[in-house]
């Protein structure tokens, strides 16, 4: 029988048998095997062995699921569906080869570089390959460089790694979420890995509320060298994690569709407390979130209303979050979390907040360590521990060896719905924050076993009318069994206060069983007492020292009409807005606290001040 046009015979079923050669009987076939070869290699079939035990071996170029298949982008689904066809048999042989080799190349199956016109088709091919890899024991789907457009989310599957050519080199562009799954505690997602691409939401507008990645209940999953940019809501949002890893991930311009009423809109957002009776945990290293509408990197959740769910333990190491609409980092609903060596900058709220988000309810992280972080130019505190939104579930935090400069406050402890126990603030460098260097805003609550020691506080200042004109300020509530020891204070003015216990305008402060000893101040007065009650015999004040130093002040600023811009010279400077009505302040292009106070400027940096009436301002060089 003649073959159809365009097809060629690779071999016949007869072979050498005695004198007749290929004219002889077909013989008996004992085995057949197939292997894939590069797409530019020829298709080959080899017949060997005696007539009673023939062996057939196929070499099948990638991209041709059947030996004589006509290459076509749509062919793979047809071949796999034809159960009794030669093409299906060859494809089955290829599947076994793929499982052993563990890698499928998307370009071998119709996915082209810069595939910007294949939305629905591309999604079907990619999802089919993901399903195939998962069903055959797991492996790698390798994506090409360039843009890959598709129209509906890819569904994560077990034991699949999706690997591109690198962030920016491979760019997934979907009309909805790039990845969206709905796994459950009974059926978690296991061994799913993303690596080496950017997933972008720029194909839709600012009002569309899609996330870049969302799924729940992950075990042994990872996100490495991936970027999620320009999403309507959260960029990278996997919830409920066990033994998971984030490494060198980045997000930019997320939460575009959040009008302030949505719970989403973070750069990286992780919910905790979903696995019953099991501890959730993950590690995040070297990730970066910029310009999120809500939080840059958020962990939030906790026990589900009596459901007995465990909290998360997290290692947050060497990440950054900047220019976000709330805090750079929100670490809530976790215990034994460690936050080391991170950088929070230019955020509207706090730099690093251990507390509660504005919408999702969560207990603050507890028994946590905050070590060696850099927090600069944030509109709230550089680092804050906050029980204003929810009651804390256990002992507090160790806040140690951090650098907090140019924020509204350096470090703030804010109590609201519950007392707090076991907060330690030690060996931090706190400079040029507009208000208090360390603020204990206790309200009507009690802070038990607070340890504030070994901190270096330099030129933190605010107008006296705020009640925060001290480098350490305690307002309201009760300090019980505390210690303030070995702190060092330096000022540019002899009129400033190192430690202020209470103010006339704030709720009264009660000081019980507390030691204040061996602190050193470069100005007097060392301690100012406002509306304070000391329990008799329970305050120990000993071994403290205060002395006046020069100010290195320069001439008063030559103030122009509003809006007035001041630019630092060749050395760092403090610009003091001392009197007048300030309506707006912009620093380095970012709006900061609008009011009287102090702003730290590096050489050549500028502050623009809008004001009414007469503005009084001075500038001092940093010593």
Protein backbone atom coordinates (compact mmCIF):
# COMPACT_ATOMS: atom_id res chain seq x y z
CA UNK A 1 0.00 0.00 0.00
CA UNK A 2 1.39 3.38 -0.97
CA UNK A 3 2.04 5.91 1.79
CA UNK A 4 0.23 9.31 1.76
CA UNK A 5 2.15 12.14 0.15
CA UNK A 6 4.71 13.73 2.44
CA UNK A 7 5.30 10.61 4.54
CA UNK A 8 8.30 8.38 4.21
CA UNK A 9 8.88 4.75 5.19
CA UNK A 10 11.41 4.25 7.92
CA UNK A 11 11.53 0.42 7.78
CA UNK A 12 9.42 -2.59 6.93
CA UNK A 13 8.41 -5.28 9.32
CA UNK A 14 10.43 -7.96 7.53
CA UNK A 15 14.08 -8.50 8.07
CA UNK A 16 16.97 -10.85 7.44
CA UNK A 17 16.00 -14.51 7.64
CA UNK A 18 18.24 -17.00 5.95
CA UNK A 19 18.64 -16.58 2.21
CA UNK A 20 15.46 -14.59 1.65
CA UNK A 21 16.60 -11.43 3.45
CA UNK A 22 13.88 -8.79 3.53
CA UNK A 23 11.64 -11.04 1.41
CA UNK A 24 11.31 -13.39 4.31
CA UNK A 25 8.70 -13.70 7.03
CA UNK A 26 7.93 -10.85 9.35
CA UNK A 27 9.24 -12.70 12.32
CA UNK A 28 8.33 -12.29 16.01
CA UNK A 29 8.86 -8.98 17.82
CA UNK A 30 10.17 -9.38 21.36
CA UNK A 31 10.50 -5.70 22.40
CA UNK A 32 10.26 -2.09 21.25
CA UNK A 33 11.65 1.10 22.73
CA UNK A 34 11.83 4.78 21.85
CA UNK A 35 13.94 7.73 22.82
CA UNK A 36 13.66 11.43 22.03
CA UNK A 37 16.44 13.18 20.17
CA UNK A 38 17.02 16.82 19.29
CA UNK A 39 14.48 18.35 16.90
CA UNK A 40 17.10 18.76 14.14
CA UNK A 41 18.04 15.05 14.20
CA UNK A 42 16.40 12.56 11.76
CA UNK A 43 13.73 10.09 12.77
CA UNK A 44 15.29 6.62 12.84
CA UNK A 45 13.95 3.09 13.37
CA UNK A 46 16.36 0.19 13.91
CA UNK A 47 15.38 -3.49 13.65
CA UNK A 48 17.78 -6.05 15.04
CA UNK A 49 17.84 -9.55 16.40
CA UNK A 50 16.97 -12.95 14.96
CA UNK A 51 13.60 -13.48 13.30
CA UNK A 52 12.14 -15.15 16.39
CA UNK A 53 13.07 -12.21 18.70
CA UNK A 54 12.99 -8.96 16.75
CA UNK A 55 13.96 -5.72 18.62
CA UNK A 56 12.76 -2.30 17.36
CA UNK A 57 14.35 0.96 18.51
CA UNK A 58 12.96 4.40 17.55
CA UNK A 59 14.78 7.76 17.57
CA UNK A 60 12.01 10.39 17.62
CA UNK A 61 12.84 14.08 17.18
CA UNK A 62 11.30 16.28 19.86
CA UNK A 63 8.24 18.02 18.45
CA UNK A 64 7.09 14.90 16.56
CA UNK A 65 5.05 12.74 18.98
CA UNK A 66 4.45 10.12 16.23
CA UNK A 67 7.12 8.58 14.07
CA UNK A 68 5.54 9.95 10.89
CA UNK A 69 3.56 12.78 12.46
CA UNK A 70 3.10 15.97 10.51
CA UNK A 71 4.59 18.71 12.76
CA UNK A 72 1.76 21.02 13.86
CA UNK A 73 1.17 23.13 16.96
CA UNK A 74 -2.20 21.45 17.66
CA UNK A 75 -1.02 17.87 17.12
CA UNK A 76 -0.13 16.82 20.66
CA UNK A 77 -3.70 16.75 22.01
CA UNK A 78 -4.95 14.72 19.03
CA UNK A 79 -2.16 12.18 19.34
CA UNK A 80 -2.65 11.67 23.04
CA UNK A 81 -6.41 11.22 22.60
CA UNK A 82 -6.09 8.51 19.92
CA UNK A 83 -5.63 5.58 22.27
CA UNK A 84 -5.08 2.85 19.62
CA UNK A 85 -3.04 4.85 17.12
CA UNK A 86 0.62 4.35 16.28
CA UNK A 87 1.14 7.98 17.24
CA UNK A 88 -0.34 7.36 20.69
CA UNK A 89 1.93 4.35 21.13
CA UNK A 90 4.94 6.44 20.19
CA UNK A 91 3.75 9.23 22.50
CA UNK A 92 3.41 6.75 25.35
CA UNK A 93 7.00 5.74 24.75
CA UNK A 94 7.98 9.41 24.81
CA UNK A 95 6.18 9.92 28.13
CA UNK A 96 8.34 7.24 29.68
CA UNK A 97 11.38 8.97 28.24
CA UNK A 98 10.27 12.37 29.62
CA UNK A 99 9.72 10.92 33.08
CA UNK A 100 13.24 9.54 33.06
CA UNK A 101 14.77 12.68 31.62
CA UNK A 102 12.64 14.89 33.91
CA UNK A 103 12.50 17.89 31.58
CA UNK A 104 9.99 19.02 28.94
CA UNK A 105 10.82 21.97 26.70
CA UNK A 106 7.80 24.19 26.02
CA UNK A 107 9.24 25.18 22.63
CA UNK A 108 8.95 21.55 21.49
CA UNK A 109 5.19 21.79 21.93
CA UNK A 110 4.20 24.97 20.17
CA UNK A 111 5.20 27.63 22.74
CA UNK A 112 7.12 30.25 20.83
CA UNK A 113 9.37 33.03 22.02
CA UNK A 114 7.41 36.30 22.23
CA UNK A 115 4.12 34.43 21.77
CA UNK A 116 1.90 37.53 22.02
CA UNK A 117 -1.04 36.31 19.90
CA UNK A 118 -1.70 32.82 21.27
CA UNK A 119 -3.50 33.49 24.56
CA UNK A 120 -6.09 30.69 24.82
CA UNK A 121 -3.98 28.20 22.88
CA UNK A 122 -0.86 28.89 24.98
CA UNK A 123 -2.69 28.37 28.28
CA UNK A 124 -4.01 25.01 27.09
CA UNK A 125 -0.59 23.77 26.02
CA UNK A 126 1.16 24.96 29.21
CA UNK A 127 -1.50 23.50 31.50
CA UNK A 128 -1.46 20.24 29.58
CA UNK A 129 2.30 19.95 30.00
CA UNK A 130 2.05 20.81 33.72
CA UNK A 131 -0.60 18.11 34.17
CA UNK A 132 1.50 15.63 32.19
CA UNK A 133 4.62 16.21 34.26
CA UNK A 134 2.68 15.87 37.52
CA UNK A 135 0.91 12.71 36.35
CA UNK A 136 4.16 11.01 35.31
CA UNK A 137 6.02 11.43 38.57
CA UNK A 138 7.20 15.03 38.36
CA UNK A 139 9.80 17.02 36.51
CA UNK A 140 10.66 20.35 34.90
CA UNK A 141 8.80 22.49 32.37
CA UNK A 142 11.36 24.76 30.75
CA UNK A 143 10.07 28.03 29.26
CA UNK A 144 11.73 30.06 26.49
CA UNK A 145 12.84 33.66 26.75
CA UNK A 146 10.59 36.49 25.63
CA UNK A 147 6.95 37.29 26.38
CA UNK A 148 4.45 34.43 26.74
CA UNK A 149 0.82 35.62 26.58
CA UNK A 150 -2.08 33.54 27.88
CA UNK A 151 -5.62 34.32 28.96
CA UNK A 152 -6.46 32.33 32.12
CA UNK A 153 -4.45 31.21 35.17
CA UNK A 154 -2.17 28.21 35.25
CA UNK A 155 -3.16 25.77 38.02
CA UNK A 156 -0.26 24.57 40.20
CA UNK A 157 0.25 20.79 40.38
CA UNK A 158 2.31 18.49 42.57
CA UNK A 159 5.99 17.86 41.82
CA UNK A 160 6.31 20.35 38.98
CA UNK A 161 9.06 22.92 38.50
CA UNK A 162 8.43 25.73 35.98
CA UNK A 163 11.73 27.30 34.95
CA UNK A 164 12.35 30.32 32.72
CA UNK A 165 15.50 31.96 31.40
CA UNK A 166 15.62 34.51 34.22
CA UNK A 167 13.71 37.49 35.60
CA UNK A 168 13.04 39.87 32.72
CA UNK A 169 14.24 37.36 30.12
CA UNK A 170 11.10 35.19 30.35
CA UNK A 171 7.92 37.21 30.93
CA UNK A 172 4.53 35.59 31.58
CA UNK A 173 1.65 37.92 30.72
CA UNK A 174 -1.83 36.71 31.61
CA UNK A 175 -5.20 38.48 31.43
CA UNK A 176 -6.01 37.04 34.86
CA UNK A 177 -3.81 35.69 37.67
CA UNK A 178 -0.62 34.12 36.37
CA UNK A 179 -1.11 31.15 38.75
CA UNK A 180 -4.24 30.35 40.75
CA UNK A 181 -5.04 27.19 42.68
CA UNK A 182 -7.47 26.03 45.34
CA UNK A 183 -5.69 23.32 47.30
CA UNK A 184 -7.00 22.23 50.69
CA UNK A 185 -5.60 20.94 53.94
CA UNK A 186 -6.75 17.45 52.94
CA UNK A 187 -5.15 17.82 49.49
CA UNK A 188 -2.17 20.21 49.82
CA UNK A 189 0.14 21.31 47.02
CA UNK A 190 3.45 19.45 47.29
CA UNK A 191 6.75 20.04 45.56
CA UNK A 192 5.69 22.93 43.31
CA UNK A 193 8.53 25.22 42.28
CA UNK A 194 8.77 28.44 40.25
CA UNK A 195 12.10 29.80 39.03
CA UNK A 196 13.61 32.31 36.65
CA UNK A 197 10.87 34.50 35.14
CA UNK A 198 8.76 37.63 35.55
CA UNK A 199 4.96 37.37 35.80
CA UNK A 200 3.36 40.67 34.83
CA UNK A 201 -0.19 41.98 35.18
CA UNK A 202 0.33 44.89 32.81
CA UNK A 203 -2.10 43.53 30.19
CA UNK A 204 -5.07 44.64 32.30
CA UNK A 205 -5.91 48.01 33.86
CA UNK A 206 -5.72 49.37 37.37
CA UNK A 207 -9.27 48.31 38.33
CA UNK A 208 -8.84 44.54 37.87
CA UNK A 209 -8.35 42.68 41.14
CA UNK A 210 -6.17 39.76 40.06
CA UNK A 211 -3.22 38.46 42.05
CA UNK A 212 -0.01 37.30 40.45
CA UNK A 213 0.11 34.01 42.37
CA UNK A 214 -2.43 32.53 44.75
CA UNK A 215 -2.90 29.08 46.24
CA UNK A 216 -3.22 27.57 49.72
CA UNK A 217 -1.71 24.73 51.74
CA UNK A 218 1.83 24.36 50.40
CA UNK A 219 4.37 21.71 51.47
CA UNK A 220 7.99 21.70 50.22
CA UNK A 221 7.36 24.42 47.63
CA UNK A 222 9.69 27.21 46.50
CA UNK A 223 9.77 30.51 44.63
CA UNK A 224 13.28 31.37 43.42
CA UNK A 225 14.46 34.21 41.13
CA UNK A 226 10.92 35.20 40.15
CA UNK A 227 9.32 38.65 39.87
CA UNK A 228 5.62 39.58 40.13
CA UNK A 229 5.05 43.12 38.82
CA UNK A 230 2.06 45.38 38.08
CA UNK A 231 -0.72 43.34 39.70
CA UNK A 232 -4.13 44.64 40.73
CA UNK A 233 -3.81 43.02 44.13
CA UNK A 234 -0.99 41.08 45.83
CA UNK A 235 1.88 40.03 43.59
CA UNK A 236 3.04 36.78 45.24
CA UNK A 237 0.44 35.39 47.65
CA UNK A 238 0.86 31.76 48.74
CA UNK A 239 -0.95 30.92 51.98
CA UNK A 240 -0.32 28.26 54.66
CA UNK A 241 3.23 27.04 54.24
CA UNK A 242 5.28 24.12 55.54
CA UNK A 243 8.99 23.79 54.70
CA UNK A 244 8.81 26.40 51.94
CA UNK A 245 11.45 28.77 50.52
CA UNK A 246 11.43 32.25 48.95
CA UNK A 247 14.78 33.27 47.45
CA UNK A 248 15.58 36.42 45.43
CA UNK A 249 11.94 37.13 44.61
CA UNK A 250 10.82 40.66 43.77
CA UNK A 251 7.57 42.59 43.36
CA UNK A 252 6.87 46.04 41.95
CA UNK A 253 3.74 48.20 41.68
CA UNK A 254 1.30 45.78 43.31
CA UNK A 255 -2.16 46.55 44.67
CA UNK A 256 -3.03 48.89 41.81
CA UNK A 257 -6.74 48.13 42.19
CA UNK A 258 -6.86 48.50 45.99
CA UNK A 259 -8.97 51.55 46.77
CA UNK A 260 -8.25 51.25 50.49
CA UNK A 261 -11.09 48.83 51.27
CA UNK A 262 -9.45 45.63 50.00
CA UNK A 263 -7.48 43.20 52.19
CA UNK A 264 -5.00 42.56 49.41
CA UNK A 265 -2.48 44.72 47.60
CA UNK A 266 0.81 43.58 49.10
CA UNK A 267 4.06 42.78 47.37
CA UNK A 268 4.44 39.37 49.01
CA UNK A 269 1.47 38.40 51.20
CA UNK A 270 1.31 35.19 53.24
CA UNK A 271 -1.60 34.04 55.40
CA UNK A 272 -0.86 31.73 58.32
CA UNK A 273 -2.80 29.42 60.60
CA UNK A 274 -4.44 27.06 58.11
CA UNK A 275 -2.82 23.71 58.91
CA UNK A 276 -4.52 22.14 61.92
CA UNK A 277 -2.20 20.80 64.59
CA UNK A 278 0.95 21.41 62.55
CA UNK A 279 3.49 24.18 62.74
CA UNK A 280 3.77 26.27 59.61
CA UNK A 281 7.22 27.50 58.68
CA UNK A 282 9.15 29.01 55.81
CA UNK A 283 12.34 30.93 54.98
CA UNK A 284 12.54 34.15 52.95
CA UNK A 285 15.95 35.40 51.82
CA UNK A 286 16.96 38.26 49.53
CA UNK A 287 13.45 39.25 48.40
CA UNK A 288 12.48 42.81 47.48
CA UNK A 289 9.10 44.55 47.42
CA UNK A 290 8.77 48.07 46.00
CA UNK A 291 5.71 50.28 45.66
CA UNK A 292 3.02 48.01 47.09
CA UNK A 293 -0.27 49.78 47.77
CA UNK A 294 -0.51 48.07 51.17
CA UNK A 295 2.42 46.20 52.78
CA UNK A 296 5.64 45.27 51.04
CA UNK A 297 6.11 41.88 52.72
CA UNK A 298 3.20 40.71 54.87
CA UNK A 299 2.67 37.71 57.15
CA UNK A 300 -0.72 37.74 58.79
CA UNK A 301 -3.23 35.29 60.21
CA UNK A 302 -3.19 33.01 63.21
CA UNK A 303 -5.67 30.72 64.98
CA UNK A 304 -9.05 30.56 63.31
CA UNK A 305 -11.56 31.42 66.01
CA UNK A 306 -11.05 28.40 68.21
CA UNK A 307 -10.13 26.08 65.37
CA UNK A 308 -6.90 25.04 67.06
CA UNK A 309 -4.72 26.08 64.15
CA UNK A 310 -1.04 26.59 64.81
CA UNK A 311 0.82 29.79 64.06
CA UNK A 312 3.69 30.24 61.64
CA UNK A 313 7.38 30.42 62.34
CA UNK A 314 9.27 32.42 59.75
CA UNK A 315 12.88 33.28 58.95
CA UNK A 316 12.93 36.69 57.23
CA UNK A 317 16.55 37.40 56.25
CA UNK A 318 18.16 40.04 54.06
CA UNK A 319 15.02 41.35 52.33
CA UNK A 320 13.93 44.90 51.50
CA UNK A 321 10.63 46.77 51.27
CA UNK A 322 10.27 50.37 50.19
CA UNK A 323 7.83 53.06 49.02
CA UNK A 324 4.81 51.08 50.21
CA UNK A 325 1.45 52.54 51.22
CA UNK A 326 1.56 51.09 54.73
CA UNK A 327 4.41 49.37 56.57
CA UNK A 328 7.31 47.92 54.63
CA UNK A 329 7.11 44.65 56.60
CA UNK A 330 4.07 43.42 58.53
CA UNK A 331 4.88 40.40 60.68
CA UNK A 332 1.71 39.30 62.43
CA UNK A 333 0.22 35.98 63.43
CA UNK A 334 3.53 34.20 63.81
CA UNK A 335 5.63 32.95 66.69
CA UNK A 336 9.35 32.36 67.00
CA UNK A 337 9.85 34.47 63.88
CA UNK A 338 13.30 35.85 63.12
CA UNK A 339 13.74 39.09 61.19
CA UNK A 340 17.44 39.68 60.43
CA UNK A 341 19.32 42.10 58.20
CA UNK A 342 16.34 43.56 56.33
CA UNK A 343 16.02 47.07 54.88
CA UNK A 344 12.81 49.13 55.16
CA UNK A 345 12.82 52.56 53.54
CA UNK A 346 10.52 55.38 52.39
CA UNK A 347 7.32 53.63 53.49
CA UNK A 348 4.23 55.65 54.44
CA UNK A 349 3.80 53.66 57.66
CA UNK A 350 6.26 51.83 59.89
CA UNK A 351 9.38 50.24 58.47
CA UNK A 352 8.93 46.90 60.26
CA UNK A 353 5.65 46.34 62.13
CA UNK A 354 5.04 43.45 64.48
CA UNK A 355 1.31 43.87 64.81
CA UNK A 356 -2.02 43.86 63.03
CA UNK A 357 -2.98 44.88 59.51
CA UNK A 358 -5.76 47.35 58.87
CA UNK A 359 -8.21 44.81 57.46
CA UNK A 360 -7.21 41.20 58.12
CA UNK A 361 -7.29 40.45 61.85
CA UNK A 362 -4.12 39.02 63.31
CA UNK A 363 -2.27 38.85 66.58
CA UNK A 364 1.17 40.44 66.63
CA UNK A 365 4.06 38.08 66.18
CA UNK A 366 5.36 36.92 69.53
CA UNK A 367 8.55 35.38 70.87
CA UNK A 368 10.23 36.96 67.87
CA UNK A 369 13.71 38.35 67.22
CA UNK A 370 14.33 41.56 65.27
CA UNK A 371 18.08 41.84 64.70
CA UNK A 372 20.39 43.97 62.58
CA UNK A 373 17.79 45.64 60.37
CA UNK A 374 18.09 49.03 58.62
CA UNK A 375 15.02 51.28 58.79
CA UNK A 376 15.25 54.69 57.16
CA UNK A 377 12.90 57.54 56.28
CA UNK A 378 9.63 55.77 57.15
CA UNK A 379 6.53 57.80 57.97
CA UNK A 380 5.87 55.78 61.14
CA UNK A 381 8.37 54.11 63.42
CA UNK A 382 11.44 52.41 62.05
CA UNK A 383 10.42 49.32 64.08
CA UNK A 384 7.09 48.99 65.91
CA UNK A 385 5.61 46.39 68.24
CA UNK A 386 1.88 46.99 68.30
CA UNK A 387 -1.07 45.52 70.25
CA UNK A 388 -3.48 48.29 69.23
CA UNK A 389 -5.48 46.10 66.83
CA UNK A 390 -5.36 42.71 68.57
CA UNK A 391 -4.37 41.22 71.91
CA UNK A 392 -0.93 39.64 72.00
CA UNK A 393 -0.86 35.86 72.50
CA UNK A 394 2.43 35.51 74.35
CA UNK A 395 5.72 37.13 75.35
CA UNK A 396 6.87 39.88 73.04
CA UNK A 397 10.02 40.50 71.06
CA UNK A 398 13.76 41.05 71.18
CA UNK A 399 14.63 44.20 69.19
CA UNK A 400 18.40 44.39 69.01
CA UNK A 401 21.28 45.93 67.03
CA UNK A 402 19.06 47.71 64.52
CA UNK A 403 19.75 51.03 62.78
CA UNK A 404 16.76 53.39 62.77
CA UNK A 405 17.36 56.84 61.25
CA UNK A 406 15.19 59.55 59.76
CA UNK A 407 11.82 57.99 60.66
CA UNK A 408 8.96 59.59 62.57
CA UNK A 409 9.99 57.48 65.60
CA UNK A 410 12.98 55.23 65.92
CA UNK A 411 11.43 52.29 67.80
CA UNK A 412 7.85 52.32 69.12
CA UNK A 413 6.04 50.00 71.53
CA UNK A 414 2.31 50.74 71.21
CA UNK A 415 -0.19 48.99 73.48
CA UNK A 416 -3.94 48.98 73.00
CA UNK A 417 -6.08 45.86 73.38
CA UNK A 418 -3.76 44.02 75.73
CA UNK A 419 -0.83 44.33 78.09
CA UNK A 420 2.54 43.09 76.88
CA UNK A 421 5.30 41.11 78.52
CA UNK A 422 8.95 40.59 77.79
CA UNK A 423 9.91 43.30 75.30
CA UNK A 424 13.64 43.92 75.01
CA UNK A 425 15.12 46.92 73.15
CA UNK A 426 18.90 46.63 73.22
CA UNK A 427 22.01 47.93 71.48
CA UNK A 428 20.21 49.82 68.73
CA UNK A 429 21.54 52.86 66.89
CA UNK A 430 18.77 55.47 66.75
CA UNK A 431 19.46 58.83 65.12
CA UNK A 432 17.66 61.88 63.68
CA UNK A 433 14.12 60.60 64.00
CA UNK A 434 11.58 63.41 63.91
CA UNK A 435 10.02 62.50 67.25
CA UNK A 436 11.08 60.18 70.04
CA UNK A 437 13.98 57.81 69.47
CA UNK A 438 12.24 55.15 71.58
CA UNK A 439 8.52 55.65 72.27
CA UNK A 440 6.57 53.60 74.81
CA UNK A 441 2.96 54.52 74.05
CA UNK A 442 1.17 52.48 76.70
CA UNK A 443 -2.30 54.02 76.87
CA UNK A 444 -3.98 52.41 79.87
CA UNK A 445 -2.03 49.16 79.58
CA UNK A 446 0.90 47.62 81.46
CA UNK A 447 4.26 46.79 79.97
CA UNK A 448 5.88 44.11 82.11
CA UNK A 449 9.55 43.11 82.01
CA UNK A 450 10.67 45.75 79.54
CA UNK A 451 14.43 46.00 79.08
CA UNK A 452 15.79 49.13 77.32
CA UNK A 453 19.57 49.05 77.43
CA UNK A 454 22.75 49.74 75.54
CA UNK A 455 21.07 51.94 72.91
CA UNK A 456 22.78 54.90 71.30
CA UNK A 457 20.36 57.78 70.73
CA UNK A 458 21.54 60.83 68.79
CA UNK A 459 19.60 64.01 68.06
CA UNK A 460 16.09 62.59 68.14
CA UNK A 461 13.78 65.52 68.73
CA UNK A 462 10.29 66.98 68.33
CA UNK A 463 8.42 70.11 69.33
CA UNK A 464 7.54 70.21 73.02
CA UNK A 465 3.84 70.55 72.27
CA UNK A 466 3.70 66.97 71.00
CA UNK A 467 4.71 65.50 74.33
CA UNK A 468 7.48 63.59 72.59
CA UNK A 469 10.38 65.95 73.14
CA UNK A 470 12.69 63.27 74.52
CA UNK A 471 14.97 60.70 73.10
CA UNK A 472 13.16 58.05 75.17
CA UNK A 473 9.51 58.91 75.91
CA UNK A 474 7.09 56.95 78.11
CA UNK A 475 3.45 58.02 77.82
CA UNK A 476 0.50 56.59 79.70
CA UNK A 477 0.04 53.15 81.24
CA UNK A 478 2.32 51.33 83.65
CA UNK A 479 5.88 50.14 83.44
CA UNK A 480 6.24 47.17 85.77
CA UNK A 481 9.58 45.48 86.46
CA UNK A 482 11.48 47.40 83.82
CA UNK A 483 15.10 48.39 83.37
CA UNK A 484 16.58 51.35 81.49
CA UNK A 485 20.34 50.94 81.60
CA UNK A 486 23.57 51.79 79.79
CA UNK A 487 21.94 53.97 77.15
CA UNK A 488 23.93 56.81 75.59
CA UNK A 489 22.36 60.12 74.51
CA UNK A 490 23.79 62.91 72.38
CA UNK A 491 22.08 66.17 71.46
CA UNK A 492 22.67 69.28 69.44
CA UNK A 493 20.89 71.38 72.04
CA UNK A 494 21.24 71.65 75.77
CA UNK A 495 17.48 72.22 76.02
CA UNK A 496 16.55 68.74 74.87
CA UNK A 497 15.55 65.88 77.11
CA UNK A 498 17.13 62.44 77.15
CA UNK A 499 14.32 60.56 78.91
CA UNK A 500 10.80 61.85 79.52
CA UNK A 501 8.52 60.02 81.92
CA UNK A 502 5.04 61.30 81.10
CA UNK A 503 3.78 64.68 79.94
CA UNK A 504 1.13 67.06 81.17
CA UNK A 505 -1.05 66.32 78.13
CA UNK A 506 -0.69 62.53 78.11
CA UNK A 507 -2.29 59.92 80.40
CA UNK A 508 -0.40 59.47 83.63
CA UNK A 509 2.46 56.98 83.81
CA UNK A 510 3.01 54.59 86.71
CA UNK A 511 6.54 53.33 87.31
CA UNK A 512 6.85 50.18 89.44
CA UNK A 513 9.90 48.08 90.33
CA UNK A 514 11.99 49.77 87.66
CA UNK A 515 15.70 50.60 87.52
CA UNK A 516 17.15 53.58 85.68
CA UNK A 517 20.89 53.31 85.94
CA UNK A 518 24.25 53.98 84.31
CA UNK A 519 22.85 56.03 81.43
CA UNK A 520 25.04 58.71 79.86
CA UNK A 521 23.71 61.93 78.40
CA UNK A 522 25.59 64.59 76.47
CA UNK A 523 23.17 67.25 77.73
CA UNK A 524 21.04 68.08 80.74
CA UNK A 525 18.40 67.43 81.90
CA UNK A 526 18.81 63.69 81.74
CA UNK A 527 15.32 62.91 83.05
CA UNK A 528 12.19 65.04 82.83
CA UNK A 529 9.18 64.00 84.89
CA UNK A 530 5.69 65.07 83.82
CA UNK A 531 2.43 63.43 84.89
CA UNK A 532 4.05 60.44 86.62
CA UNK A 533 3.34 58.31 89.69
CA UNK A 534 6.27 56.45 91.22
CA UNK A 535 5.41 53.59 93.55
CA UNK A 536 7.39 54.41 96.72
CA UNK A 537 10.69 52.59 96.91
CA UNK A 538 10.23 50.96 93.52
CA UNK A 539 12.27 53.28 91.30
CA UNK A 540 16.03 52.83 91.41
CA UNK A 541 18.03 55.71 89.91
CA UNK A 542 21.76 55.24 90.12
CA UNK A 543 25.05 55.81 88.34
CA UNK A 544 23.67 58.06 85.57
CA UNK A 545 25.67 60.88 84.00
CA UNK A 546 24.85 64.06 82.05
CA UNK A 547 27.05 66.78 80.54
CA UNK A 548 26.64 69.63 78.10
CA UNK A 549 28.43 69.69 74.73
CA UNK A 550 28.70 72.19 71.90
CA UNK A 551 26.20 72.17 69.04
CA UNK A 552 28.23 72.89 65.89
CA UNK A 553 25.27 74.98 64.75
CA UNK A 554 25.40 76.90 61.47
CA UNK A 555 23.49 80.04 60.57
CA UNK A 556 19.68 79.96 60.65
CA UNK A 557 18.13 78.90 57.36
CA UNK A 558 17.37 81.65 54.92
CA UNK A 559 13.69 80.87 54.53
CA UNK A 560 11.91 81.66 51.27
CA UNK A 561 8.25 81.76 50.35
CA UNK A 562 6.12 78.61 50.59
CA UNK A 563 6.85 76.04 49.27
CA UNK A 564 10.42 76.49 50.42
CA UNK A 565 13.20 74.02 49.59
CA UNK A 566 16.26 73.53 51.76
CA UNK A 567 19.26 71.57 50.47
CA UNK A 568 22.02 70.18 52.70
CA UNK A 569 25.62 71.10 52.02
CA UNK A 570 28.64 68.84 51.83
CA UNK A 571 28.07 67.22 55.24
CA UNK A 572 24.96 65.61 56.76
CA UNK A 573 22.62 68.11 58.41
CA UNK A 574 19.51 68.34 60.55
CA UNK A 575 16.83 70.77 59.42
CA UNK A 576 14.76 71.86 62.44
CA UNK A 577 11.27 73.23 61.78
CA UNK A 578 10.82 75.03 65.08
CA UNK A 579 7.74 77.26 64.77
CA UNK A 580 4.96 78.16 62.37
CA UNK A 581 2.17 76.25 60.63
CA UNK A 582 3.56 73.49 58.41
CA UNK A 583 1.06 72.02 55.92
CA UNK A 584 3.28 69.65 53.98
CA UNK A 585 6.83 68.25 53.92
CA UNK A 586 8.43 66.32 51.04
CA UNK A 587 11.80 64.64 51.52
CA UNK A 588 13.62 63.05 48.59
CA UNK A 589 10.37 63.15 46.63
CA UNK A 590 8.41 61.31 49.34
CA UNK A 591 5.75 63.00 51.49
CA UNK A 592 6.65 62.71 55.18
CA UNK A 593 5.14 63.96 58.43
CA UNK A 594 3.66 67.44 57.94
CA UNK A 595 4.41 69.37 61.12
CA UNK A 596 7.13 70.82 63.26
CA UNK A 597 10.09 68.58 63.88
CA UNK A 598 13.50 67.52 62.66
CA UNK A 599 14.62 66.06 59.34
CA UNK A 600 17.92 64.31 58.67
CA UNK A 601 19.59 65.07 55.33
CA UNK A 602 22.55 63.45 53.65
CA UNK A 603 24.85 65.76 51.66
CA UNK A 604 22.96 67.30 48.76
CA UNK A 605 19.54 66.01 49.81
CA UNK A 606 16.56 68.39 49.94
CA UNK A 607 13.40 68.99 51.94
CA UNK A 608 10.50 71.03 50.56
CA UNK A 609 8.25 72.66 53.17
CA UNK A 610 4.78 74.11 52.55
CA UNK A 611 3.64 76.48 55.28
CA UNK A 612 1.45 79.42 56.18
CA UNK A 613 2.34 82.42 58.30
CA UNK A 614 5.91 82.69 59.57
CA UNK A 615 8.17 79.64 59.54
CA UNK A 616 11.09 79.43 61.97
CA UNK A 617 13.78 76.90 60.99
CA UNK A 618 17.45 76.24 61.70
CA UNK A 619 19.99 73.78 60.36
CA UNK A 620 22.79 72.01 62.24
CA UNK A 621 25.68 70.00 60.92
CA UNK A 622 25.83 66.43 62.17
CA UNK A 623 28.66 65.93 64.61
